[in-house]
Amino acid sequence: MQSTNQKIKNASLNSFLDKNTFEQNDEYAAKLIANTKDETMYNRILDEVQHCKSFTFAVAFIESGILNSLKTVLKDLNVQGRILTSTYLYFNKPQMFRELLSYQMLK
């Protein structure tokens, strides 16, 4: 039986390099998420955090509305995580970084 790390590795290699050589795993496969009427990025994020032990998001910018609604969900679920972002092109306002630092569930 494969370890979780091996499943993730094979799914990544299957998704990005060679579908014929590496084992497919739908749970860990890369997926394109486009905001549509039936599937939004926000709904996918909510679904994923409800089934995780921890998380890491790497994002170019963070909107306060999304952060506020996620904060409630993460607090209720007691999920710890990291949000990686930057000051690149000044998409994030200084207030957003102060707000992120105040959330105890985030590193």
N, C-alpha and C. Protein backbone atom coordinates (compact mmCIF):
# COMPACT_ATOMS: atom_id res chain seq x y z
N MET A 1 0.84 -1.19 0.00
CA MET A 1 0.00 0.00 0.00
C MET A 1 0.88 1.25 0.00
N GLN A 2 0.52 2.22 -0.83
CA GLN A 2 1.31 3.44 -0.95
C GLN A 2 1.04 4.39 0.21
N SER A 3 2.09 5.10 0.63
CA SER A 3 1.92 6.14 1.64
C SER A 3 1.24 7.35 1.00
N THR A 4 0.72 8.22 1.84
CA THR A 4 0.08 9.44 1.34
C THR A 4 1.06 10.26 0.51
N ASN A 5 2.30 10.37 0.98
CA ASN A 5 3.30 11.13 0.23
C ASN A 5 3.52 10.54 -1.15
N GLN A 6 3.56 9.22 -1.24
CA GLN A 6 3.76 8.56 -2.53
C GLN A 6 2.55 8.79 -3.44
N LYS A 7 1.36 8.75 -2.87
CA LYS A 7 0.14 9.00 -3.66
C LYS A 7 0.15 10.41 -4.22
N ILE A 8 0.53 11.38 -3.40
CA ILE A 8 0.59 12.77 -3.85
C ILE A 8 1.65 12.92 -4.94
N LYS A 9 2.80 12.31 -4.73
CA LYS A 9 3.88 12.38 -5.72
C LYS A 9 3.43 11.79 -7.06
N ASN A 10 2.85 10.60 -7.02
CA ASN A 10 2.40 9.96 -8.27
C ASN A 10 1.29 10.75 -8.94
N ALA A 11 0.36 11.28 -8.15
CA ALA A 11 -0.73 12.07 -8.73
C ALA A 11 -0.18 13.33 -9.40
N SER A 12 0.80 13.97 -8.77
CA SER A 12 1.41 15.17 -9.36
C SER A 12 2.14 14.84 -10.65
N LEU A 13 2.92 13.77 -10.62
CA LEU A 13 3.64 13.36 -11.83
C LEU A 13 2.68 12.93 -12.93
N ASN A 14 1.60 12.26 -12.56
CA ASN A 14 0.57 11.87 -13.52
C ASN A 14 -0.11 13.10 -14.12
N SER A 15 -0.41 14.08 -13.28
CA SER A 15 -1.11 15.28 -13.74
C SER A 15 -0.26 16.16 -14.64
N PHE A 16 1.03 16.26 -14.34
CA PHE A 16 1.86 17.25 -15.02
C PHE A 16 2.91 16.67 -15.98
N LEU A 17 3.28 15.40 -15.82
CA LEU A 17 4.36 14.88 -16.65
C LEU A 17 3.95 13.75 -17.59
N ASP A 18 3.43 12.67 -17.04
CA ASP A 18 3.21 11.50 -17.88
C ASP A 18 2.07 10.64 -17.33
N LYS A 19 0.93 10.70 -18.00
CA LYS A 19 -0.25 9.95 -17.57
C LYS A 19 -0.08 8.45 -17.76
N ASN A 20 0.83 8.04 -18.62
CA ASN A 20 1.01 6.62 -18.90
C ASN A 20 1.97 5.92 -17.94
N THR A 21 2.83 6.69 -17.31
CA THR A 21 3.85 6.09 -16.44
C THR A 21 3.46 6.10 -14.97
N PHE A 22 2.80 7.18 -14.54
CA PHE A 22 2.52 7.35 -13.12
C PHE A 22 1.05 7.09 -12.82
N GLU A 23 0.82 6.48 -11.68
CA GLU A 23 -0.53 6.08 -11.28
C GLU A 23 -1.45 7.28 -11.06
N GLN A 24 -2.66 7.19 -11.57
CA GLN A 24 -3.65 8.24 -11.40
C GLN A 24 -4.31 8.09 -10.03
N ASN A 25 -4.57 9.23 -9.39
CA ASN A 25 -5.27 9.24 -8.11
C ASN A 25 -6.14 10.48 -8.09
N ASP A 26 -7.44 10.31 -8.28
CA ASP A 26 -8.34 11.45 -8.39
C ASP A 26 -8.37 12.32 -7.14
N GLU A 27 -8.12 11.72 -5.99
CA GLU A 27 -8.14 12.49 -4.74
C GLU A 27 -7.04 13.54 -4.71
N TYR A 28 -5.88 13.23 -5.28
CA TYR A 28 -4.73 14.13 -5.23
C TYR A 28 -4.36 14.73 -6.58
N ALA A 29 -5.10 14.45 -7.61
CA ALA A 29 -4.78 14.95 -8.95
C ALA A 29 -4.98 16.46 -9.04
N ALA A 30 -4.19 17.09 -9.89
CA ALA A 30 -4.37 18.52 -10.15
C ALA A 30 -5.68 18.73 -10.90
N LYS A 31 -6.37 19.81 -10.54
CA LYS A 31 -7.65 20.12 -11.18
C LYS A 31 -7.72 21.61 -11.49
N LEU A 32 -8.33 21.92 -12.60
CA LEU A 32 -8.58 23.31 -12.95
C LEU A 32 -9.92 23.71 -12.34
N ILE A 33 -9.92 24.79 -11.59
CA ILE A 33 -11.15 25.29 -10.99
C ILE A 33 -11.43 26.66 -11.59
N ALA A 34 -12.52 26.77 -12.29
CA ALA A 34 -12.93 28.04 -12.89
C ALA A 34 -14.22 28.48 -12.20
N ASN A 35 -14.32 29.74 -11.90
CA ASN A 35 -15.55 30.23 -11.28
C ASN A 35 -16.69 30.14 -12.28
N THR A 36 -17.60 29.23 -12.00
CA THR A 36 -18.80 29.07 -12.82
C THR A 36 -20.01 29.12 -11.90
N LYS A 37 -21.18 29.05 -12.49
CA LYS A 37 -22.41 29.05 -11.69
C LYS A 37 -22.45 27.85 -10.74
N ASP A 38 -21.97 26.72 -11.21
CA ASP A 38 -22.05 25.48 -10.43
C ASP A 38 -20.86 25.24 -9.51
N GLU A 39 -19.71 25.81 -9.83
CA GLU A 39 -18.51 25.57 -9.03
C GLU A 39 -17.69 26.85 -8.93
N THR A 40 -17.51 27.32 -7.70
CA THR A 40 -16.70 28.52 -7.48
C THR A 40 -15.45 28.16 -6.69
N MET A 41 -14.46 28.99 -6.79
CA MET A 41 -13.23 28.78 -6.03
C MET A 41 -13.54 28.79 -4.53
N TYR A 42 -14.37 29.71 -4.11
CA TYR A 42 -14.72 29.80 -2.70
C TYR A 42 -15.35 28.51 -2.19
N ASN A 43 -16.30 27.95 -2.95
CA ASN A 43 -16.94 26.70 -2.54
C ASN A 43 -15.95 25.54 -2.48
N ARG A 44 -15.02 25.50 -3.42
CA ARG A 44 -14.00 24.43 -3.40
C ARG A 44 -13.08 24.57 -2.19
N ILE A 45 -12.71 25.81 -1.87
CA ILE A 45 -11.87 26.04 -0.69
C ILE A 45 -12.62 25.59 0.57
N LEU A 46 -13.89 25.98 0.68
CA LEU A 46 -14.68 25.57 1.85
C LEU A 46 -14.76 24.06 1.95
N ASP A 47 -14.99 23.40 0.84
CA ASP A 47 -15.08 21.94 0.84
C ASP A 47 -13.77 21.31 1.30
N GLU A 48 -12.67 21.84 0.81
CA GLU A 48 -11.36 21.26 1.15
C GLU A 48 -11.00 21.50 2.62
N VAL A 49 -11.25 22.70 3.16
CA VAL A 49 -10.87 22.94 4.55
C VAL A 49 -11.75 22.16 5.52
N GLN A 50 -12.94 21.78 5.09
CA GLN A 50 -13.80 20.97 5.96
C GLN A 50 -13.31 19.53 6.06
N HIS A 51 -12.39 19.14 5.20
CA HIS A 51 -11.88 17.76 5.20
C HIS A 51 -10.37 17.70 5.43
N CYS A 52 -9.79 18.73 5.99
CA CYS A 52 -8.33 18.72 6.17
C CYS A 52 -7.95 18.84 7.64
N LYS A 53 -6.72 18.47 7.93
CA LYS A 53 -6.17 18.63 9.27
C LYS A 53 -5.42 19.96 9.38
N SER A 54 -4.85 20.39 8.26
CA SER A 54 -4.15 21.67 8.17
C SER A 54 -4.12 22.05 6.69
N PHE A 55 -3.69 23.28 6.41
CA PHE A 55 -3.68 23.74 5.02
C PHE A 55 -2.56 24.75 4.81
N THR A 56 -2.19 24.92 3.56
CA THR A 56 -1.31 26.00 3.13
C THR A 56 -1.89 26.57 1.85
N PHE A 57 -2.15 27.87 1.85
CA PHE A 57 -2.59 28.58 0.66
C PHE A 57 -1.45 29.48 0.21
N ALA A 58 -1.11 29.44 -1.07
CA ALA A 58 -0.15 30.36 -1.65
C ALA A 58 -0.92 31.21 -2.65
N VAL A 59 -1.08 32.48 -2.33
CA VAL A 59 -1.95 33.35 -3.12
C VAL A 59 -1.26 34.68 -3.42
N ALA A 60 -1.64 35.28 -4.54
CA ALA A 60 -1.09 36.58 -4.93
C ALA A 60 -1.68 37.71 -4.09
N PHE A 61 -2.97 37.58 -3.77
CA PHE A 61 -3.62 38.61 -2.96
C PHE A 61 -4.76 37.99 -2.17
N ILE A 62 -5.22 38.71 -1.16
CA ILE A 62 -6.29 38.23 -0.30
C ILE A 62 -7.34 39.32 -0.18
N GLU A 63 -8.58 38.96 -0.41
CA GLU A 63 -9.71 39.88 -0.25
C GLU A 63 -10.26 39.76 1.16
N SER A 64 -10.57 40.88 1.79
CA SER A 64 -11.03 40.84 3.18
C SER A 64 -12.36 40.10 3.33
N GLY A 65 -13.24 40.17 2.35
CA GLY A 65 -14.53 39.47 2.43
C GLY A 65 -14.35 37.97 2.51
N ILE A 66 -13.49 37.43 1.67
CA ILE A 66 -13.20 35.99 1.69
C ILE A 66 -12.53 35.62 3.01
N LEU A 67 -11.58 36.44 3.43
CA LEU A 67 -10.85 36.14 4.66
C LEU A 67 -11.80 36.12 5.86
N ASN A 68 -12.73 37.05 5.93
CA ASN A 68 -13.67 37.09 7.05
C ASN A 68 -14.55 35.86 7.09
N SER A 69 -15.05 35.43 5.95
CA SER A 69 -15.91 34.24 5.96
C SER A 69 -15.11 32.97 6.22
N LEU A 70 -13.89 32.90 5.72
CA LEU A 70 -13.03 31.74 6.00
C LEU A 70 -12.63 31.69 7.47
N LYS A 71 -12.41 32.85 8.06
CA LYS A 71 -12.01 32.92 9.47
C LYS A 71 -13.04 32.21 10.34
N THR A 72 -14.31 32.45 10.09
CA THR A 72 -15.37 31.83 10.88
C THR A 72 -15.36 30.32 10.70
N VAL A 73 -15.25 29.86 9.47
CA VAL A 73 -15.24 28.42 9.19
C VAL A 73 -14.02 27.76 9.84
N LEU A 74 -12.85 28.36 9.68
CA LEU A 74 -11.63 27.77 10.23
C LEU A 74 -11.68 27.72 11.76
N LYS A 75 -12.22 28.75 12.36
CA LYS A 75 -12.34 28.78 13.82
C LYS A 75 -13.31 27.69 14.29
N ASP A 76 -14.45 27.57 13.62
CA ASP A 76 -15.44 26.54 13.99
C ASP A 76 -14.88 25.13 13.85
N LEU A 77 -14.08 24.91 12.81
CA LEU A 77 -13.52 23.58 12.55
C LEU A 77 -12.23 23.32 13.32
N ASN A 78 -11.69 24.38 13.92
CA ASN A 78 -10.41 24.29 14.63
C ASN A 78 -9.30 23.78 13.71
N VAL A 79 -9.24 24.35 12.50
CA VAL A 79 -8.22 23.98 11.51
C VAL A 79 -7.11 25.02 11.53
N GLN A 80 -5.87 24.56 11.64
CA GLN A 80 -4.70 25.42 11.62
C GLN A 80 -4.13 25.45 10.20
N GLY A 81 -3.54 26.58 9.82
CA GLY A 81 -2.95 26.63 8.50
C GLY A 81 -2.03 27.81 8.29
N ARG A 82 -1.57 27.91 7.05
CA ARG A 82 -0.68 29.00 6.64
C ARG A 82 -1.25 29.64 5.38
N ILE A 83 -1.10 30.94 5.29
CA ILE A 83 -1.41 31.66 4.06
C ILE A 83 -0.13 32.38 3.64
N LEU A 84 0.39 32.01 2.49
CA LEU A 84 1.60 32.62 1.96
C LEU A 84 1.19 33.66 0.93
N THR A 85 1.61 34.89 1.15
CA THR A 85 1.32 35.96 0.20
C THR A 85 2.47 36.96 0.28
N SER A 86 2.37 38.05 -0.46
CA SER A 86 3.49 38.99 -0.49
C SER A 86 2.99 40.41 -0.74
N THR A 87 3.96 41.30 -0.85
CA THR A 87 3.65 42.69 -1.19
C THR A 87 3.83 42.95 -2.68
N TYR A 88 4.04 41.91 -3.46
CA TYR A 88 4.28 42.05 -4.89
C TYR A 88 3.19 42.89 -5.55
N LEU A 89 3.57 43.90 -6.28
CA LEU A 89 2.68 44.84 -6.97
C LEU A 89 1.66 45.50 -6.04
N TYR A 90 1.87 45.37 -4.76
CA TYR A 90 1.02 46.01 -3.73
C TYR A 90 -0.45 45.65 -3.86
N PHE A 91 -0.73 44.38 -4.25
CA PHE A 91 -2.12 43.92 -4.30
C PHE A 91 -2.73 43.93 -2.91
N ASN A 92 -1.96 43.51 -1.90
CA ASN A 92 -2.45 43.47 -0.52
C ASN A 92 -2.17 44.79 0.17
N LYS A 93 -3.15 45.27 0.87
CA LYS A 93 -2.99 46.50 1.65
C LYS A 93 -2.33 46.15 2.99
N PRO A 94 -1.60 47.09 3.60
CA PRO A 94 -0.97 46.83 4.90
C PRO A 94 -1.97 46.33 5.95
N GLN A 95 -3.19 46.83 5.91
CA GLN A 95 -4.20 46.39 6.87
C GLN A 95 -4.46 44.88 6.76
N MET A 96 -4.37 44.34 5.56
CA MET A 96 -4.60 42.91 5.36
C MET A 96 -3.54 42.09 6.09
N PHE A 97 -2.28 42.54 6.04
CA PHE A 97 -1.21 41.82 6.75
C PHE A 97 -1.41 41.90 8.26
N ARG A 98 -1.84 43.06 8.76
CA ARG A 98 -2.12 43.19 10.19
C ARG A 98 -3.25 42.25 10.60
N GLU A 99 -4.27 42.18 9.76
CA GLU A 99 -5.39 41.30 10.04
C GLU A 99 -4.96 39.83 10.06
N LEU A 100 -4.16 39.43 9.08
CA LEU A 100 -3.66 38.05 9.03
C LEU A 100 -2.88 37.69 10.29
N LEU A 101 -2.07 38.62 10.77
CA LEU A 101 -1.27 38.37 11.97
C LEU A 101 -2.13 38.19 13.22
N SER A 102 -3.34 38.72 13.20
CA SER A 102 -4.21 38.62 14.38
C SER A 102 -4.96 37.30 14.47
N TYR A 103 -4.96 36.50 13.42
CA TYR A 103 -5.71 35.24 13.42
C TYR A 103 -4.87 34.14 14.06
N GLN A 104 -5.34 33.62 15.18
CA GLN A 104 -4.57 32.61 15.90
C GLN A 104 -4.48 31.29 15.16
N MET A 105 -5.43 31.01 14.26
CA MET A 105 -5.40 29.72 13.54
C MET A 105 -4.42 29.75 12.37
N LEU A 106 -3.82 30.92 12.10
CA LEU A 106 -2.88 31.05 10.98
C LEU A 106 -1.46 31.24 11.48
N LYS A 107 -0.53 30.67 10.73
CA LYS A 107 0.90 30.88 11.02
C LYS A 107 1.41 31.98 10.13
